[in-house]
Amino acid sequence: MRKTKSLTHKPFAVNLFTNGVPEYNHADAEAMQDFLEIFSKENQLSFERLSLDALRFYSYKEQIEILIEEGIPVVSFTFGIPDEESMTALKQRGIVLVGTATSVQEAILVEKAGADAVAAQGIEAGGHRGSFLEEEPLPMVGTFVLVPEIGAHVKIPVIAAGGIKGGRTIRAAFQLGAKAVQIGTAFIASQESLAISSYKTALTKAQVTDSALTRAFSGRWARGIRNQFMDAIEASGLNIPPYPIQNIITAGLRAKAQQADRKEFTNMWAGQASAGTADKSSADIFLQLVAGTEEL
């Protein structure tokens, strides 16, 4: 946050993961580490085994105070809804709150909790699913069905997220009642992005069928470009520990892969609309999106 403040005087948002720490099967986690040790050696990667008993988990509540201290103007949240005390503390300081919903039922709860807006995240969206009422079965509703459905059940502004690529999809979202759109994948290949080179290249060459939903990297459903790691975990038949356990277990391996620019062994989050992603500056991408929307 402080680094971002040093780079801009403009307001910016911080996204908060509001998940709890689930109970998990230690045997499943150890079996996953056994598999990753062998997998890493076979692919000339290093894997550092973790002591599960030594893991420490931090609550989002510990981050609330920091957000307030730093004067962050907008806080979005996903994987759940902050508790009533946290929501009150943020709202009392005039912070704009944006929730995430993958179903109408979730959107209703987000509004009831006091959020100022809700992001309607369709199944096309890249990265983690924001679902919090149920993950099995995972809500599979597309953005352009979800947006008007949520809009019919809540009074707060709806932000369309997932599958938003250019002017046509932005205008379509507005026609369906969205007050804003949320775009992520289009900026991952930008010149300012810290994504590794091979990841950016994969995005610029991606087809609409190249992404898939997986729990392989983090233990939580997320959409990314399919690669060798995803295939190996899914073919192993192992029980994948829940988030954040799997995320912690795979973190070291993914970091090593990124250092070596080996895209087959790290997460490449991307939405279904990743085809045609361009290697341009973030400013150029943004201006192109605006121009494409205005000219229609």
Protein backbone atom coordinates (compact mmCIF):
# COMPACT_ATOMS: atom_id res chain seq x y z
CA MET A 1 0.00 0.00 0.00
CA ARG A 2 2.78 2.41 0.88
CA LYS A 3 4.62 1.55 -2.32
CA THR A 4 1.47 2.29 -4.32
CA LYS A 5 1.06 5.60 -2.49
CA SER A 6 4.60 6.52 -3.50
CA LEU A 7 3.71 5.95 -7.15
CA THR A 8 0.39 7.79 -7.39
CA HIS A 9 -1.72 10.46 -5.74
CA LYS A 10 -4.88 8.89 -7.13
CA PRO A 11 -7.24 6.83 -4.93
CA PHE A 12 -6.91 3.06 -5.12
CA ALA A 13 -8.63 0.02 -3.66
CA VAL A 14 -7.27 -2.85 -1.58
CA ASN A 15 -8.79 -6.32 -1.91
CA LEU A 16 -9.26 -8.28 1.31
CA PHE A 17 -9.54 -12.07 1.57
CA THR A 18 -12.07 -12.68 4.33
CA ASN A 19 -11.88 -16.46 4.53
CA GLY A 20 -11.49 -18.29 7.81
CA VAL A 21 -8.99 -21.08 8.48
CA PRO A 22 -10.65 -24.42 7.76
CA GLU A 23 -10.00 -27.69 9.46
CA TYR A 24 -7.96 -29.99 7.25
CA ASN A 25 -6.73 -33.55 7.08
CA HIS A 26 -3.02 -33.64 7.97
CA ALA A 27 -2.61 -36.96 6.16
CA ASP A 28 -3.87 -35.37 2.93
CA ALA A 29 -1.46 -32.45 3.33
CA GLU A 30 1.50 -34.77 3.99
CA ALA A 31 0.55 -36.93 1.00
CA MET A 32 0.49 -33.81 -1.16
CA GLN A 33 3.98 -32.87 0.05
CA ASP A 34 5.20 -36.41 -0.71
CA PHE A 35 3.88 -36.08 -4.25
CA LEU A 36 5.36 -32.62 -4.78
CA GLU A 37 8.80 -33.75 -3.59
CA ILE A 38 8.89 -36.40 -6.30
CA PHE A 39 7.28 -34.14 -8.90
CA SER A 40 9.82 -31.39 -8.23
CA LYS A 41 12.81 -33.71 -8.62
CA GLU A 42 11.42 -35.09 -11.88
CA ASN A 43 11.16 -31.54 -13.23
CA GLN A 44 14.43 -30.13 -11.87
CA LEU A 45 12.72 -27.91 -9.32
CA SER A 46 13.44 -27.59 -5.61
CA PHE A 47 10.74 -28.28 -3.04
CA GLU A 48 11.02 -27.36 0.62
CA ARG A 49 8.85 -29.52 2.83
CA LEU A 50 6.88 -27.63 5.48
CA SER A 51 6.22 -28.51 9.09
CA LEU A 52 2.44 -28.34 9.17
CA ASP A 53 2.36 -28.00 12.94
CA ALA A 54 4.47 -24.84 12.69
CA LEU A 55 2.13 -23.03 10.31
CA ARG A 56 0.59 -19.82 11.59
CA PHE A 57 -2.54 -18.32 10.08
CA TYR A 58 -3.47 -14.66 10.13
CA SER A 59 -7.03 -13.37 10.29
CA TYR A 60 -8.24 -10.64 7.97
CA LYS A 61 -9.21 -8.77 11.15
CA GLU A 62 -5.51 -8.08 11.74
CA GLN A 63 -5.41 -6.33 8.37
CA ILE A 64 -8.44 -4.12 9.00
CA GLU A 65 -6.51 -1.86 11.38
CA ILE A 66 -3.76 -1.40 8.79
CA LEU A 67 -6.27 -0.45 6.10
CA ILE A 68 -7.74 2.16 8.44
CA GLU A 69 -4.32 3.49 9.48
CA GLU A 70 -3.26 3.86 5.85
CA GLY A 71 -6.45 5.70 4.95
CA ILE A 72 -7.37 3.38 2.09
CA PRO A 73 -10.46 4.91 0.41
CA VAL A 74 -11.93 1.73 -1.11
CA VAL A 75 -11.85 -1.80 0.31
CA SER A 76 -13.19 -4.75 -1.65
CA PHE A 77 -13.60 -8.18 -0.12
CA THR A 78 -13.91 -11.72 -1.41
CA PHE A 79 -14.25 -15.31 -0.11
CA GLY A 80 -16.82 -14.02 2.36
CA ILE A 81 -18.04 -10.94 4.22
CA PRO A 82 -16.17 -9.15 7.03
CA ASP A 83 -17.76 -9.46 10.47
CA GLU A 84 -20.17 -6.75 11.63
CA GLU A 85 -17.57 -5.03 13.85
CA SER A 86 -15.10 -4.74 10.97
CA MET A 87 -17.74 -3.48 8.55
CA THR A 88 -18.83 -0.83 11.05
CA ALA A 89 -15.26 0.31 11.70
CA LEU A 90 -14.59 0.72 7.98
CA LYS A 91 -17.88 2.48 7.23
CA GLN A 92 -17.47 4.91 10.13
CA ARG A 93 -14.33 6.16 8.43
CA GLY A 94 -16.07 6.72 5.13
CA ILE A 95 -14.37 3.83 3.37
CA VAL A 96 -16.27 2.57 0.31
CA LEU A 97 -16.93 -1.17 0.60
CA VAL A 98 -17.30 -3.51 -2.38
CA GLY A 99 -18.29 -7.14 -1.93
CA THR A 100 -18.01 -10.09 -4.30
CA ALA A 101 -20.85 -12.42 -5.25
CA THR A 102 -21.09 -15.41 -7.58
CA SER A 103 -24.80 -15.92 -6.97
CA VAL A 104 -27.91 -13.88 -6.22
CA GLN A 105 -28.00 -15.27 -2.68
CA GLU A 106 -24.46 -14.06 -2.00
CA ALA A 107 -25.24 -10.61 -3.41
CA ILE A 108 -28.24 -10.26 -1.11
CA LEU A 109 -26.02 -11.03 1.90
CA VAL A 110 -23.35 -8.59 0.70
CA GLU A 111 -25.95 -5.80 0.51
CA LYS A 112 -27.45 -6.75 3.87
CA ALA A 113 -23.98 -6.50 5.47
CA GLY A 114 -23.74 -2.86 4.40
CA ALA A 115 -21.57 -2.94 1.27
CA ASP A 116 -21.78 0.05 -1.05
CA ALA A 117 -21.53 -2.05 -4.22
CA VAL A 118 -21.21 -5.68 -5.28
CA ALA A 119 -19.02 -7.24 -7.97
CA ALA A 120 -20.99 -9.90 -9.85
CA GLN A 121 -18.27 -12.42 -10.67
CA GLY A 122 -19.23 -14.71 -13.52
CA ILE A 123 -17.70 -18.12 -14.12
CA GLU A 124 -15.63 -16.63 -16.98
CA ALA A 125 -13.50 -14.61 -14.55
CA GLY A 126 -9.82 -15.35 -14.09
CA GLY A 127 -8.27 -16.07 -10.71
CA HIS A 128 -10.02 -17.23 -7.57
CA ARG A 129 -13.74 -17.71 -7.37
CA GLY A 130 -15.26 -15.41 -4.78
CA SER A 131 -17.93 -17.94 -3.76
CA PHE A 132 -18.60 -18.17 -0.04
CA LEU A 133 -22.00 -19.80 0.42
CA GLU A 134 -21.03 -22.98 -1.37
CA GLU A 135 -18.07 -24.29 -3.34
CA GLU A 136 -19.39 -27.79 -3.94
CA PRO A 137 -21.15 -27.54 -6.29
CA LEU A 138 -19.51 -24.35 -7.47
CA PRO A 139 -21.90 -21.67 -8.82
CA MET A 140 -21.36 -21.78 -12.60
CA VAL A 141 -23.36 -18.73 -13.69
CA GLY A 142 -21.94 -16.54 -16.45
CA THR A 143 -21.49 -12.80 -16.02
CA PHE A 144 -24.15 -11.76 -18.52
CA VAL A 145 -26.76 -13.87 -16.77
CA LEU A 146 -25.58 -13.02 -13.26
CA VAL A 147 -25.51 -9.22 -13.63
CA PRO A 148 -29.22 -8.67 -14.41
CA GLU A 149 -30.27 -11.34 -11.93
CA ILE A 150 -28.35 -9.69 -9.10
CA GLY A 151 -29.55 -6.27 -10.25
CA ALA A 152 -33.13 -7.43 -9.86
CA HIS A 153 -32.56 -8.41 -6.23
CA VAL A 154 -30.34 -5.67 -4.76
CA LYS A 155 -30.42 -1.87 -4.74
CA ILE A 156 -26.68 -1.24 -4.50
CA PRO A 157 -24.65 -0.76 -7.72
CA VAL A 158 -23.58 -3.94 -9.53
CA ILE A 159 -20.08 -4.24 -11.01
CA ALA A 160 -19.72 -6.77 -13.84
CA ALA A 161 -16.66 -9.02 -13.49
CA GLY A 162 -15.58 -11.86 -15.75
CA GLY A 163 -15.40 -12.05 -19.54
CA ILE A 164 -15.10 -8.27 -19.94
CA LYS A 165 -12.66 -7.78 -22.79
CA GLY A 166 -13.39 -4.72 -24.88
CA GLY A 167 -15.92 -2.09 -25.81
CA ARG A 168 -18.65 -4.53 -26.88
CA THR A 169 -18.63 -6.46 -23.61
CA ILE A 170 -18.41 -3.27 -21.54
CA ARG A 171 -21.43 -1.80 -23.31
CA ALA A 172 -23.26 -5.12 -22.98
CA ALA A 173 -22.64 -5.10 -19.22
CA PHE A 174 -24.01 -1.55 -18.97
CA GLN A 175 -27.07 -2.52 -21.02
CA LEU A 176 -27.73 -5.33 -18.54
CA GLY A 177 -27.69 -2.92 -15.61
CA ALA A 178 -24.07 -2.89 -14.45
CA LYS A 179 -22.87 0.49 -13.18
CA ALA A 180 -19.20 -0.39 -13.70
CA VAL A 181 -16.98 -3.20 -14.94
CA GLN A 182 -14.00 -4.94 -13.38
CA ILE A 183 -11.19 -6.06 -15.69
CA GLY A 184 -8.10 -8.05 -14.72
CA THR A 185 -6.77 -10.40 -17.39
CA ALA A 186 -6.32 -7.63 -19.97
CA PHE A 187 -3.70 -5.97 -17.75
CA ILE A 188 -1.60 -9.03 -16.80
CA ALA A 189 0.44 -8.88 -20.01
CA SER A 190 0.92 -5.12 -19.73
CA GLN A 191 4.41 -3.64 -19.72
CA GLU A 192 4.10 -2.65 -16.05
CA SER A 193 2.90 -6.06 -14.91
CA LEU A 194 5.24 -8.14 -12.73
CA ALA A 195 4.01 -11.40 -14.28
CA ILE A 196 6.86 -13.56 -15.59
CA SER A 197 7.70 -13.33 -19.29
CA SER A 198 6.49 -16.81 -20.25
CA TYR A 199 3.15 -16.15 -18.52
CA LYS A 200 2.71 -12.93 -20.49
CA THR A 201 3.58 -14.71 -23.73
CA ALA A 202 1.09 -17.47 -22.97
CA LEU A 203 -1.61 -14.84 -22.47
CA THR A 204 -0.92 -13.09 -25.77
CA LYS A 205 -1.22 -16.45 -27.57
CA ALA A 206 -4.15 -17.84 -25.57
CA GLN A 207 -7.33 -19.20 -27.12
CA VAL A 208 -10.73 -18.97 -25.44
CA THR A 209 -10.54 -22.68 -24.55
CA ASP A 210 -7.12 -22.55 -22.87
CA SER A 211 -8.28 -21.68 -19.35
CA ALA A 212 -9.73 -24.10 -16.82
CA LEU A 213 -10.95 -24.16 -13.24
CA THR A 214 -8.58 -25.82 -10.80
CA ARG A 215 -7.86 -26.25 -7.10
CA ALA A 216 -4.32 -27.49 -7.78
CA PHE A 217 -2.41 -24.37 -6.78
CA SER A 218 -4.29 -22.99 -3.79
CA GLY A 219 -6.93 -25.46 -2.70
CA ARG A 220 -9.63 -23.05 -3.82
CA TRP A 221 -11.32 -22.99 -7.20
CA ALA A 222 -9.60 -20.56 -9.56
CA ARG A 223 -9.41 -20.09 -13.32
CA GLY A 224 -6.08 -20.08 -15.10
CA ILE A 225 -4.33 -21.23 -18.26
CA ARG A 226 -3.96 -24.99 -18.10
CA ASN A 227 -0.40 -26.24 -17.64
CA GLN A 228 1.66 -29.26 -16.57
CA PHE A 229 1.27 -28.63 -12.84
CA MET A 230 -2.51 -28.54 -13.04
CA ASP A 231 -2.58 -31.73 -15.09
CA ALA A 232 -0.23 -33.55 -12.70
CA ILE A 233 -2.16 -32.67 -9.54
CA GLU A 234 -5.48 -33.58 -11.09
CA ALA A 235 -4.11 -36.89 -12.45
CA SER A 236 -2.58 -37.81 -9.07
CA GLY A 237 -5.96 -38.64 -7.56
CA LEU A 238 -4.89 -37.02 -4.28
CA ASN A 239 -7.25 -35.14 -2.01
CA ILE A 240 -6.28 -31.48 -2.37
CA PRO A 241 -6.05 -29.70 1.01
CA PRO A 242 -8.33 -26.64 1.31
CA TYR A 243 -7.25 -23.01 1.02
CA PRO A 244 -4.97 -21.70 2.43
CA ILE A 245 -3.18 -25.00 3.21
CA GLN A 246 -2.56 -26.02 -0.42
CA ASN A 247 -1.63 -22.44 -1.26
CA ILE A 248 1.08 -22.48 1.42
CA ILE A 249 2.33 -25.95 0.45
CA THR A 250 2.81 -24.98 -3.21
CA ALA A 251 4.08 -21.43 -2.61
CA GLY A 252 7.79 -22.28 -2.55
CA LEU A 253 7.66 -24.43 -5.66
CA ARG A 254 5.74 -21.75 -7.55
CA ALA A 255 8.22 -19.08 -6.47
CA LYS A 256 11.14 -21.15 -7.77
CA ALA A 257 9.33 -21.73 -11.06
CA GLN A 258 8.69 -18.01 -11.43
CA GLN A 259 12.33 -17.20 -10.73
CA ALA A 260 13.28 -19.58 -13.56
CA ASP A 261 10.48 -18.26 -15.82
CA ARG A 262 8.93 -21.73 -16.07
CA LYS A 263 5.24 -21.18 -16.69
CA GLU A 264 4.32 -24.88 -16.60
CA PHE A 265 4.85 -25.00 -12.85
CA THR A 266 3.15 -21.87 -11.55
CA ASN A 267 -0.34 -20.43 -11.63
CA MET A 268 -1.22 -18.37 -14.68
CA TRP A 269 -4.54 -16.85 -13.64
CA ALA A 270 -6.58 -15.81 -16.66
CA GLY A 271 -10.21 -15.45 -17.64
CA GLN A 272 -11.96 -16.98 -20.63
CA ALA A 273 -11.61 -13.70 -22.51
CA SER A 274 -7.81 -13.84 -22.50
CA ALA A 275 -7.51 -14.39 -26.27
CA GLY A 276 -5.89 -11.39 -27.90
CA THR A 277 -4.38 -9.96 -24.71
CA ALA A 278 -1.85 -7.36 -25.83
CA ASP A 279 1.64 -6.40 -24.67
CA LYS A 280 1.02 -2.68 -24.18
CA SER A 281 1.28 -0.13 -21.41
CA SER A 282 -1.52 -0.14 -18.84
CA ALA A 283 -2.45 3.38 -19.90
CA ASP A 284 -2.78 2.35 -23.54
CA ILE A 285 -4.90 -0.67 -22.61
CA PHE A 286 -7.18 1.50 -20.48
CA LEU A 287 -7.56 4.20 -23.11
CA GLN A 288 -8.28 1.56 -25.74
CA LEU A 289 -11.04 0.10 -23.56
CA VAL A 290 -12.58 3.55 -23.08
CA ALA A 291 -12.36 4.39 -26.78
CA GLY A 292 -13.83 1.04 -27.75
CA THR A 293 -16.78 1.64 -25.45
CA GLU A 294 -17.46 5.19 -26.62
CA GLU A 295 -17.34 4.45 -30.35
CA LEU A 296 -20.12 1.85 -30.27
